[in-house]
Amino acid sequence: MRISRREKIWIAGGAGVLLVLLVLLGVVLPAVQAEDRLDARIASSRETLKELLVLRGQWEEIQGYNRLISKRLRDRGPDFSMFRHLEELARKAGVDDHIQYMRPVTLGSPEAREGMIRKSLEVRLNGVGLNQLTRYLYLIEFSEKLLAVESIHLKPVYTDPQQINVTFRVFTLEKA
């Protein structure tokens, strides 16, 4: 059986088409799919990088805050007393005559977290004016000694509505 020239051309054309299909399906298409997968991984990696940069910024902010706290702890000195400091602030605010008591608050055994111990005092003021109280709380919150008001309970004096009885807790951190 002899193959004519026209049949040879058809066979060569078919083989060429088959070869092109094999190259497309075996080489080009997998390469395009691999490129698409790599593009998806790159996009995912970029999103992960953005998240890491946000986390890095938050970490640096926290580290800066920790350095500030450490500096303020060092600056207040080893002989710092929360009692003494609160009494001094009470004198500045004009509420030192209204202090009924200042007592430590024990919350079980003090746990040291990250080298810090939380210390608390409960303060009771009787018959204090709102302006004096506001000034005292402001001086506590914005002192350079790392004090914060944790909770507050107000009760008006019924015999004089301009006066308030107040109980609040102040806490600070100390090196363990």
N, C-alpha and C. Protein backbone atom coordinates (compact mmCIF):
# COMPACT_ATOMS: atom_id res chain seq x y z
N MET A 1 0.83 -1.15 0.00
CA MET A 1 0.00 0.00 0.00
C MET A 1 0.89 1.24 0.00
N ARG A 2 0.56 2.01 -0.92
CA ARG A 2 1.32 3.21 -1.13
C ARG A 2 0.52 4.42 -0.70
N ILE A 3 1.23 5.40 -0.08
CA ILE A 3 0.54 6.59 0.42
C ILE A 3 0.84 7.71 -0.57
N SER A 4 -0.23 8.38 -0.93
CA SER A 4 -0.07 9.46 -1.91
C SER A 4 0.45 10.72 -1.21
N ARG A 5 0.84 11.61 -2.07
CA ARG A 5 1.41 12.85 -1.55
C ARG A 5 0.38 13.61 -0.73
N ARG A 6 -0.85 13.68 -1.18
CA ARG A 6 -1.90 14.37 -0.46
C ARG A 6 -2.13 13.73 0.91
N GLU A 7 -2.10 12.43 0.98
CA GLU A 7 -2.29 11.73 2.25
C GLU A 7 -1.11 11.99 3.19
N LYS A 8 0.10 12.08 2.61
CA LYS A 8 1.27 12.40 3.43
C LYS A 8 1.13 13.79 4.05
N ILE A 9 0.60 14.73 3.26
CA ILE A 9 0.41 16.08 3.77
C ILE A 9 -0.63 16.06 4.91
N TRP A 10 -1.72 15.31 4.71
CA TRP A 10 -2.74 15.21 5.76
C TRP A 10 -2.17 14.55 7.01
N ILE A 11 -1.41 13.52 6.84
CA ILE A 11 -0.81 12.85 8.00
C ILE A 11 0.18 13.78 8.70
N ALA A 12 1.01 14.49 7.93
CA ALA A 12 1.97 15.43 8.50
C ALA A 12 1.24 16.57 9.21
N GLY A 13 0.17 17.06 8.61
CA GLY A 13 -0.64 18.12 9.23
C GLY A 13 -1.26 17.63 10.53
N GLY A 14 -1.82 16.41 10.50
CA GLY A 14 -2.42 15.84 11.71
C GLY A 14 -1.38 15.63 12.80
N ALA A 15 -0.20 15.13 12.38
CA ALA A 15 0.86 14.93 13.36
C ALA A 15 1.32 16.27 13.92
N GLY A 16 1.37 17.30 13.07
CA GLY A 16 1.75 18.64 13.53
C GLY A 16 0.73 19.18 14.53
N VAL A 17 -0.55 19.01 14.20
CA VAL A 17 -1.61 19.47 15.11
C VAL A 17 -1.53 18.70 16.42
N LEU A 18 -1.31 17.38 16.32
CA LEU A 18 -1.18 16.55 17.52
C LEU A 18 0.03 16.99 18.33
N LEU A 19 1.13 17.28 17.68
CA LEU A 19 2.32 17.73 18.37
C LEU A 19 2.08 19.08 19.06
N VAL A 20 1.40 19.99 18.36
CA VAL A 20 1.08 21.30 18.94
C VAL A 20 0.16 21.11 20.14
N LEU A 21 -0.84 20.23 20.03
CA LEU A 21 -1.73 19.96 21.16
C LEU A 21 -0.97 19.36 22.34
N LEU A 22 -0.08 18.43 22.05
CA LEU A 22 0.72 17.84 23.11
C LEU A 22 1.60 18.88 23.78
N VAL A 23 2.21 19.77 23.00
CA VAL A 23 3.04 20.82 23.57
C VAL A 23 2.17 21.77 24.41
N LEU A 24 0.99 22.12 23.89
CA LEU A 24 0.09 23.01 24.63
C LEU A 24 -0.38 22.35 25.93
N LEU A 25 -0.85 21.11 25.83
CA LEU A 25 -1.39 20.44 27.01
C LEU A 25 -0.29 19.97 27.96
N GLY A 26 0.85 19.62 27.45
CA GLY A 26 1.90 19.07 28.30
C GLY A 26 2.87 20.09 28.83
N VAL A 27 3.04 21.21 28.14
CA VAL A 27 4.05 22.18 28.55
C VAL A 27 3.43 23.55 28.86
N VAL A 28 2.74 24.12 27.90
CA VAL A 28 2.26 25.49 28.03
C VAL A 28 1.16 25.60 29.09
N LEU A 29 0.15 24.74 29.00
CA LEU A 29 -0.95 24.81 29.95
C LEU A 29 -0.49 24.59 31.40
N PRO A 30 0.34 23.58 31.68
CA PRO A 30 0.85 23.45 33.06
C PRO A 30 1.69 24.66 33.49
N ALA A 31 2.43 25.25 32.56
CA ALA A 31 3.24 26.42 32.89
C ALA A 31 2.33 27.61 33.24
N VAL A 32 1.24 27.78 32.49
CA VAL A 32 0.29 28.87 32.75
C VAL A 32 -0.40 28.63 34.10
N GLN A 33 -0.79 27.37 34.36
CA GLN A 33 -1.42 27.05 35.65
C GLN A 33 -0.44 27.29 36.81
N ALA A 34 0.81 26.91 36.61
CA ALA A 34 1.82 27.13 37.64
C ALA A 34 2.01 28.63 37.88
N GLU A 35 2.01 29.40 36.80
CA GLU A 35 2.14 30.84 36.93
C GLU A 35 0.96 31.43 37.70
N ASP A 36 -0.26 30.95 37.41
CA ASP A 36 -1.45 31.41 38.14
C ASP A 36 -1.35 31.07 39.63
N ARG A 37 -0.90 29.85 39.92
CA ARG A 37 -0.73 29.46 41.33
C ARG A 37 0.31 30.34 42.01
N LEU A 38 1.40 30.62 41.31
CA LEU A 38 2.44 31.49 41.88
C LEU A 38 1.91 32.91 42.10
N ASP A 39 1.11 33.41 41.15
CA ASP A 39 0.51 34.73 41.32
C ASP A 39 -0.40 34.76 42.55
N ALA A 40 -1.17 33.69 42.75
CA ALA A 40 -2.05 33.61 43.91
C ALA A 40 -1.22 33.56 45.20
N ARG A 41 -0.13 32.79 45.18
CA ARG A 41 0.74 32.73 46.37
C ARG A 41 1.40 34.06 46.64
N ILE A 42 1.79 34.77 45.58
CA ILE A 42 2.40 36.09 45.75
C ILE A 42 1.39 37.05 46.37
N ALA A 43 0.15 37.03 45.88
CA ALA A 43 -0.89 37.90 46.44
C ALA A 43 -1.14 37.55 47.90
N SER A 44 -1.19 36.27 48.21
CA SER A 44 -1.38 35.84 49.59
C SER A 44 -0.20 36.27 50.46
N SER A 45 1.00 36.14 49.93
CA SER A 45 2.19 36.55 50.67
C SER A 45 2.21 38.06 50.90
N ARG A 46 1.73 38.81 49.94
CA ARG A 46 1.66 40.26 50.10
C ARG A 46 0.68 40.63 51.22
N GLU A 47 -0.47 39.95 51.26
CA GLU A 47 -1.44 40.19 52.33
C GLU A 47 -0.83 39.83 53.69
N THR A 48 -0.13 38.70 53.73
CA THR A 48 0.52 38.29 54.97
C THR A 48 1.57 39.31 55.38
N LEU A 49 2.31 39.83 54.42
CA LEU A 49 3.32 40.85 54.70
C LEU A 49 2.67 42.11 55.26
N LYS A 50 1.54 42.53 54.68
CA LYS A 50 0.83 43.71 55.19
C LYS A 50 0.41 43.48 56.64
N GLU A 51 -0.13 42.29 56.94
CA GLU A 51 -0.54 41.97 58.31
C GLU A 51 0.67 41.98 59.24
N LEU A 52 1.78 41.44 58.78
CA LEU A 52 2.99 41.43 59.61
C LEU A 52 3.50 42.84 59.88
N LEU A 53 3.39 43.71 58.88
CA LEU A 53 3.82 45.09 59.08
C LEU A 53 2.92 45.81 60.09
N VAL A 54 1.61 45.52 60.04
CA VAL A 54 0.69 46.09 61.03
C VAL A 54 1.05 45.57 62.42
N LEU A 55 1.28 44.25 62.53
CA LEU A 55 1.66 43.66 63.81
C LEU A 55 2.99 44.22 64.31
N ARG A 56 3.92 44.44 63.39
CA ARG A 56 5.21 45.02 63.78
C ARG A 56 5.02 46.42 64.36
N GLY A 57 4.16 47.21 63.72
CA GLY A 57 3.87 48.55 64.23
C GLY A 57 3.25 48.49 65.62
N GLN A 58 2.32 47.55 65.81
CA GLN A 58 1.71 47.40 67.13
C GLN A 58 2.75 46.95 68.15
N TRP A 59 3.62 46.03 67.75
CA TRP A 59 4.67 45.55 68.66
C TRP A 59 5.59 46.69 69.07
N GLU A 60 5.99 47.51 68.10
CA GLU A 60 6.87 48.64 68.40
C GLU A 60 6.17 49.64 69.31
N GLU A 61 4.87 49.84 69.12
CA GLU A 61 4.11 50.73 69.98
C GLU A 61 4.07 50.18 71.41
N ILE A 62 3.84 48.88 71.55
CA ILE A 62 3.83 48.25 72.87
C ILE A 62 5.20 48.34 73.52
N GLN A 63 6.24 48.09 72.74
CA GLN A 63 7.60 48.18 73.28
C GLN A 63 7.90 49.60 73.75
N GLY A 64 7.47 50.59 72.99
CA GLY A 64 7.67 51.98 73.40
C GLY A 64 6.92 52.28 74.69
N TYR A 65 5.71 51.75 74.80
CA TYR A 65 4.93 51.94 76.03
C TYR A 65 5.62 51.25 77.20
N ASN A 66 6.14 50.05 76.97
CA ASN A 66 6.87 49.34 78.04
C ASN A 66 8.12 50.10 78.47
N ARG A 67 8.83 50.70 77.51
CA ARG A 67 10.01 51.50 77.86
C ARG A 67 9.60 52.72 78.68
N LEU A 68 8.47 53.34 78.32
CA LEU A 68 7.98 54.50 79.07
C LEU A 68 7.62 54.09 80.50
N ILE A 69 6.94 52.97 80.66
CA ILE A 69 6.58 52.48 81.99
C ILE A 69 7.84 52.20 82.80
N SER A 70 8.80 51.52 82.20
CA SER A 70 10.04 51.22 82.91
C SER A 70 10.76 52.50 83.33
N LYS A 71 10.77 53.49 82.45
CA LYS A 71 11.41 54.76 82.78
C LYS A 71 10.70 55.43 83.94
N ARG A 72 9.37 55.45 83.90
CA ARG A 72 8.62 56.09 84.99
C ARG A 72 8.81 55.34 86.31
N LEU A 73 8.90 54.01 86.24
CA LEU A 73 9.16 53.24 87.46
C LEU A 73 10.53 53.58 88.03
N ARG A 74 11.54 53.71 87.16
CA ARG A 74 12.88 54.08 87.62
C ARG A 74 12.88 55.51 88.19
N ASP A 75 12.16 56.42 87.51
CA ASP A 75 12.16 57.82 87.91
C ASP A 75 11.47 58.05 89.26
N ARG A 76 10.52 57.22 89.62
CA ARG A 76 9.83 57.47 90.89
C ARG A 76 10.66 57.00 92.09
N GLY A 77 11.73 56.29 91.84
CA GLY A 77 12.70 55.97 92.89
C GLY A 77 12.33 54.76 93.72
N PRO A 78 13.32 54.23 94.44
CA PRO A 78 13.10 53.02 95.24
C PRO A 78 12.31 53.28 96.52
N ASP A 79 12.26 54.53 96.98
CA ASP A 79 11.56 54.83 98.22
C ASP A 79 10.13 55.32 97.98
N PHE A 80 9.59 55.07 96.79
CA PHE A 80 8.23 55.51 96.48
C PHE A 80 7.22 54.81 97.37
N SER A 81 6.29 55.60 97.89
CA SER A 81 5.19 55.07 98.69
C SER A 81 3.88 55.61 98.12
N MET A 82 2.99 54.70 97.75
CA MET A 82 1.71 55.12 97.19
C MET A 82 0.91 55.91 98.24
N PHE A 83 0.95 55.48 99.51
CA PHE A 83 0.26 56.20 100.58
C PHE A 83 0.72 57.66 100.62
N ARG A 84 2.03 57.83 100.70
CA ARG A 84 2.60 59.17 100.83
C ARG A 84 2.25 60.02 99.60
N HIS A 85 2.34 59.42 98.43
CA HIS A 85 2.06 60.17 97.21
C HIS A 85 0.59 60.58 97.14
N LEU A 86 -0.32 59.68 97.51
CA LEU A 86 -1.75 60.02 97.50
C LEU A 86 -2.07 61.10 98.53
N GLU A 87 -1.42 61.07 99.67
CA GLU A 87 -1.61 62.13 100.67
C GLU A 87 -1.13 63.47 100.14
N GLU A 88 0.01 63.46 99.45
CA GLU A 88 0.54 64.69 98.86
C GLU A 88 -0.42 65.24 97.81
N LEU A 89 -0.95 64.37 96.97
CA LEU A 89 -1.91 64.81 95.96
C LEU A 89 -3.20 65.32 96.61
N ALA A 90 -3.60 64.69 97.73
CA ALA A 90 -4.80 65.14 98.45
C ALA A 90 -4.60 66.55 98.98
N ARG A 91 -3.41 66.84 99.49
CA ARG A 91 -3.12 68.20 99.95
C ARG A 91 -3.21 69.19 98.79
N LYS A 92 -2.65 68.83 97.64
CA LYS A 92 -2.70 69.71 96.47
C LYS A 92 -4.14 69.97 96.03
N ALA A 93 -4.99 68.94 96.11
CA ALA A 93 -6.39 69.07 95.68
C ALA A 93 -7.27 69.66 96.77
N GLY A 94 -6.75 69.77 97.98
CA GLY A 94 -7.52 70.32 99.09
C GLY A 94 -8.52 69.34 99.69
N VAL A 95 -8.25 68.05 99.58
CA VAL A 95 -9.16 67.05 100.13
C VAL A 95 -8.52 66.27 101.27
N ASP A 96 -7.36 66.71 101.75
CA ASP A 96 -6.67 65.94 102.79
C ASP A 96 -7.47 65.87 104.09
N ASP A 97 -8.30 66.87 104.38
CA ASP A 97 -9.14 66.83 105.58
C ASP A 97 -10.34 65.90 105.42
N HIS A 98 -10.62 65.49 104.21
CA HIS A 98 -11.80 64.65 103.93
C HIS A 98 -11.47 63.16 103.88
N ILE A 99 -10.20 62.82 104.00
CA ILE A 99 -9.80 61.41 103.92
C ILE A 99 -10.25 60.69 105.19
N GLN A 100 -11.09 59.69 105.01
CA GLN A 100 -11.50 58.85 106.14
C GLN A 100 -10.51 57.72 106.33
N TYR A 101 -10.11 57.09 105.21
CA TYR A 101 -9.10 56.04 105.30
C TYR A 101 -8.45 55.79 103.96
N MET A 102 -7.28 55.19 104.03
CA MET A 102 -6.56 54.63 102.88
C MET A 102 -6.05 53.28 103.35
N ARG A 103 -6.47 52.24 102.68
CA ARG A 103 -6.02 50.92 103.11
C ARG A 103 -5.65 50.06 101.91
N PRO A 104 -4.67 49.20 102.10
CA PRO A 104 -4.26 48.33 100.99
C PRO A 104 -5.36 47.32 100.68
N VAL A 105 -5.46 46.98 99.42
CA VAL A 105 -6.42 45.98 98.97
C VAL A 105 -5.62 44.74 98.64
N THR A 106 -5.99 43.65 99.28
CA THR A 106 -5.30 42.39 99.00
C THR A 106 -6.17 41.55 98.08
N LEU A 107 -5.60 41.13 97.01
CA LEU A 107 -6.31 40.32 96.02
C LEU A 107 -5.72 38.91 96.02
N GLY A 108 -5.71 38.28 97.17
CA GLY A 108 -5.07 36.96 97.26
C GLY A 108 -3.57 37.14 97.26
N SER A 109 -2.88 36.18 96.73
CA SER A 109 -1.42 36.30 96.66
C SER A 109 -1.05 37.11 95.43
N PRO A 110 -0.16 38.07 95.60
CA PRO A 110 0.22 38.90 94.44
C PRO A 110 0.99 38.08 93.41
N GLU A 111 0.50 38.10 92.20
CA GLU A 111 1.16 37.37 91.11
C GLU A 111 2.07 38.33 90.36
N ALA A 112 3.26 37.88 90.08
CA ALA A 112 4.18 38.68 89.29
C ALA A 112 3.97 38.33 87.82
N ARG A 113 3.56 39.32 87.04
CA ARG A 113 3.40 39.13 85.60
C ARG A 113 4.43 39.98 84.90
N GLU A 114 5.21 39.33 84.09
CA GLU A 114 6.25 40.01 83.32
C GLU A 114 7.10 40.89 84.22
N GLY A 115 7.40 40.38 85.43
CA GLY A 115 8.27 41.08 86.35
C GLY A 115 7.61 42.22 87.11
N MET A 116 6.27 42.32 87.05
CA MET A 116 5.55 43.41 87.70
C MET A 116 4.52 42.85 88.68
N ILE A 117 4.34 43.57 89.79
CA ILE A 117 3.32 43.23 90.79
C ILE A 117 2.33 44.39 90.86
N ARG A 118 1.07 44.06 90.90
CA ARG A 118 0.01 45.07 90.99
C ARG A 118 -0.29 45.34 92.47
N LYS A 119 -0.23 46.62 92.87
CA LYS A 119 -0.55 47.04 94.24
C LYS A 119 -1.75 47.98 94.19
N SER A 120 -2.69 47.79 95.12
CA SER A 120 -3.90 48.61 95.14
C SER A 120 -4.16 49.19 96.52
N LEU A 121 -4.77 50.37 96.53
CA LEU A 121 -5.23 51.01 97.77
C LEU A 121 -6.69 51.41 97.58
N GLU A 122 -7.45 51.28 98.65
CA GLU A 122 -8.82 51.79 98.65
C GLU A 122 -8.81 53.08 99.44
N VAL A 123 -9.41 54.12 98.88
CA VAL A 123 -9.43 55.44 99.49
C VAL A 123 -10.88 55.82 99.73
N ARG A 124 -11.16 56.33 100.92
CA ARG A 124 -12.51 56.78 101.27
C ARG A 124 -12.44 58.26 101.64
N LEU A 125 -13.25 59.07 100.96
CA LEU A 125 -13.35 60.49 101.25
C LEU A 125 -14.78 60.78 101.68
N ASN A 126 -14.93 61.56 102.74
CA ASN A 126 -16.25 61.94 103.23
C ASN A 126 -16.49 63.42 103.04
N GLY A 127 -17.67 63.76 102.54
CA GLY A 127 -18.09 65.16 102.44
C GLY A 127 -17.21 66.02 101.57
N VAL A 128 -16.84 65.51 100.43
CA VAL A 128 -15.97 66.26 99.53
C VAL A 128 -16.83 66.87 98.41
N GLY A 129 -16.43 68.04 97.93
CA GLY A 129 -17.13 68.69 96.83
C GLY A 129 -16.73 68.07 95.49
N LEU A 130 -17.59 68.22 94.53
CA LEU A 130 -17.35 67.62 93.21
C LEU A 130 -16.10 68.20 92.55
N ASN A 131 -15.89 69.50 92.67
CA ASN A 131 -14.70 70.12 92.07
C ASN A 131 -13.42 69.60 92.71
N GLN A 132 -13.44 69.49 94.05
CA GLN A 132 -12.26 68.97 94.74
C GLN A 132 -11.99 67.52 94.35
N LEU A 133 -13.05 66.73 94.30
CA LEU A 133 -12.92 65.33 93.92
C LEU A 133 -12.37 65.19 92.51
N THR A 134 -12.91 65.99 91.59
CA THR A 134 -12.45 65.94 90.20
C THR A 134 -10.98 66.30 90.11
N ARG A 135 -10.58 67.32 90.82
CA ARG A 135 -9.15 67.72 90.81
C ARG A 135 -8.27 66.61 91.37
N TYR A 136 -8.70 65.99 92.47
CA TYR A 136 -7.91 64.91 93.10
C TYR A 136 -7.78 63.72 92.14
N LEU A 137 -8.88 63.32 91.53
CA LEU A 137 -8.82 62.19 90.60
C LEU A 137 -7.95 62.52 89.38
N TYR A 138 -8.03 63.77 88.93
CA TYR A 138 -7.19 64.19 87.81
C TYR A 138 -5.71 64.10 88.19
N LEU A 139 -5.38 64.59 89.38
CA LEU A 139 -3.98 64.55 89.83
C LEU A 139 -3.49 63.10 89.95
N ILE A 140 -4.36 62.21 90.37
CA ILE A 140 -3.97 60.80 90.49
C ILE A 140 -3.72 60.21 89.10
N GLU A 141 -4.68 60.37 88.23
CA GLU A 141 -4.60 59.76 86.90
C GLU A 141 -3.44 60.31 86.07
N PHE A 142 -3.15 61.58 86.19
CA PHE A 142 -2.13 62.19 85.34
C PHE A 142 -0.83 62.46 86.08
N SER A 143 -0.62 61.79 87.20
CA SER A 143 0.66 61.92 87.89
C SER A 143 1.71 61.12 87.12
N GLU A 144 2.94 61.45 87.31
CA GLU A 144 4.04 60.75 86.64
C GLU A 144 4.44 59.48 87.38
N LYS A 145 3.66 59.08 88.36
CA LYS A 145 4.02 57.95 89.22
C LYS A 145 3.30 56.66 88.85
N LEU A 146 2.68 56.61 87.68
CA LEU A 146 1.98 55.41 87.20
C LEU A 146 0.87 54.95 88.14
N LEU A 147 -0.04 55.85 88.44
CA LEU A 147 -1.21 55.51 89.24
C LEU A 147 -2.44 55.55 88.34
N ALA A 148 -3.42 54.73 88.67
CA ALA A 148 -4.67 54.75 87.91
C ALA A 148 -5.82 54.44 88.86
N VAL A 149 -6.94 55.13 88.63
CA VAL A 149 -8.15 54.86 89.40
C VAL A 149 -8.84 53.68 88.73
N GLU A 150 -9.09 52.67 89.54
CA GLU A 150 -9.62 51.41 89.02
C GLU A 150 -11.15 51.35 89.11
N SER A 151 -11.70 51.75 90.23
CA SER A 151 -13.15 51.75 90.40
C SER A 151 -13.51 52.89 91.33
N ILE A 152 -14.76 53.33 91.21
CA ILE A 152 -15.18 54.46 92.03
C ILE A 152 -16.66 54.27 92.39
N HIS A 153 -16.98 54.62 93.62
CA HIS A 153 -18.36 54.54 94.11
C HIS A 153 -18.70 55.86 94.77
N LEU A 154 -19.71 56.52 94.25
CA LEU A 154 -20.12 57.83 94.75
C LEU A 154 -21.45 57.71 95.48
N LYS A 155 -21.57 58.47 96.56
CA LYS A 155 -22.83 58.49 97.31
C LYS A 155 -23.02 59.92 97.81
N PRO A 156 -24.14 60.55 97.47
CA PRO A 156 -24.34 61.93 97.93
C PRO A 156 -24.58 61.97 99.44
N VAL A 157 -24.19 63.08 100.03
CA VAL A 157 -24.46 63.32 101.44
C VAL A 157 -25.86 63.93 101.49
N TYR A 158 -26.79 63.27 102.17
CA TYR A 158 -28.19 63.70 102.14
C TYR A 158 -28.42 65.02 102.88
N THR A 159 -27.59 65.30 103.86
CA THR A 159 -27.77 66.56 104.60
C THR A 159 -27.23 67.76 103.83
N ASP A 160 -26.29 67.51 102.89
CA ASP A 160 -25.73 68.58 102.07
C ASP A 160 -25.54 68.04 100.65
N PRO A 161 -26.44 68.33 99.74
CA PRO A 161 -26.37 67.77 98.38
C PRO A 161 -25.13 68.20 97.59
N GLN A 162 -24.43 69.22 98.06
CA GLN A 162 -23.22 69.66 97.38
C GLN A 162 -22.01 68.80 97.73
N GLN A 163 -22.16 67.92 98.71
CA GLN A 163 -21.06 67.08 99.18
C GLN A 163 -21.29 65.63 98.76
N ILE A 164 -20.18 64.90 98.59
CA ILE A 164 -20.22 63.51 98.13
C ILE A 164 -19.33 62.68 99.04
N ASN A 165 -19.80 61.48 99.37
CA ASN A 165 -18.94 60.48 99.99
C ASN A 165 -18.48 59.57 98.85
N VAL A 166 -17.21 59.33 98.77
CA VAL A 166 -16.67 58.56 97.64
C VAL A 166 -15.67 57.54 98.14
N THR A 167 -15.74 56.36 97.53
CA THR A 167 -14.76 55.31 97.77
C THR A 167 -14.21 54.90 96.40
N PHE A 168 -12.91 54.86 96.29
CA PHE A 168 -12.32 54.43 95.02
C PHE A 168 -11.04 53.65 95.27
N ARG A 169 -10.66 52.91 94.23
CA ARG A 169 -9.42 52.13 94.28
C ARG A 169 -8.42 52.72 93.31
N VAL A 170 -7.20 52.77 93.80
CA VAL A 170 -6.08 53.24 92.98
C VAL A 170 -5.08 52.09 92.91
N PHE A 171 -4.54 51.87 91.71
CA PHE A 171 -3.52 50.81 91.61
C PHE A 171 -2.30 51.34 90.89
N THR A 172 -1.21 50.63 91.13
CA THR A 172 0.05 50.92 90.46
C THR A 172 0.77 49.62 90.23
N LEU A 173 1.83 49.69 89.48
CA LEU A 173 2.68 48.51 89.24
C LEU A 173 4.02 48.75 89.91
N GLU A 174 4.58 47.69 90.43
CA GLU A 174 5.91 47.73 91.02
C GLU A 174 6.72 46.58 90.49
N LYS A 175 8.03 46.78 90.44
CA LYS A 175 8.91 45.69 90.02
C LYS A 175 8.83 44.56 91.03
N ALA A 176 8.80 43.32 90.52
CA ALA A 176 8.70 42.15 91.39
C ALA A 176 10.02 41.92 92.11
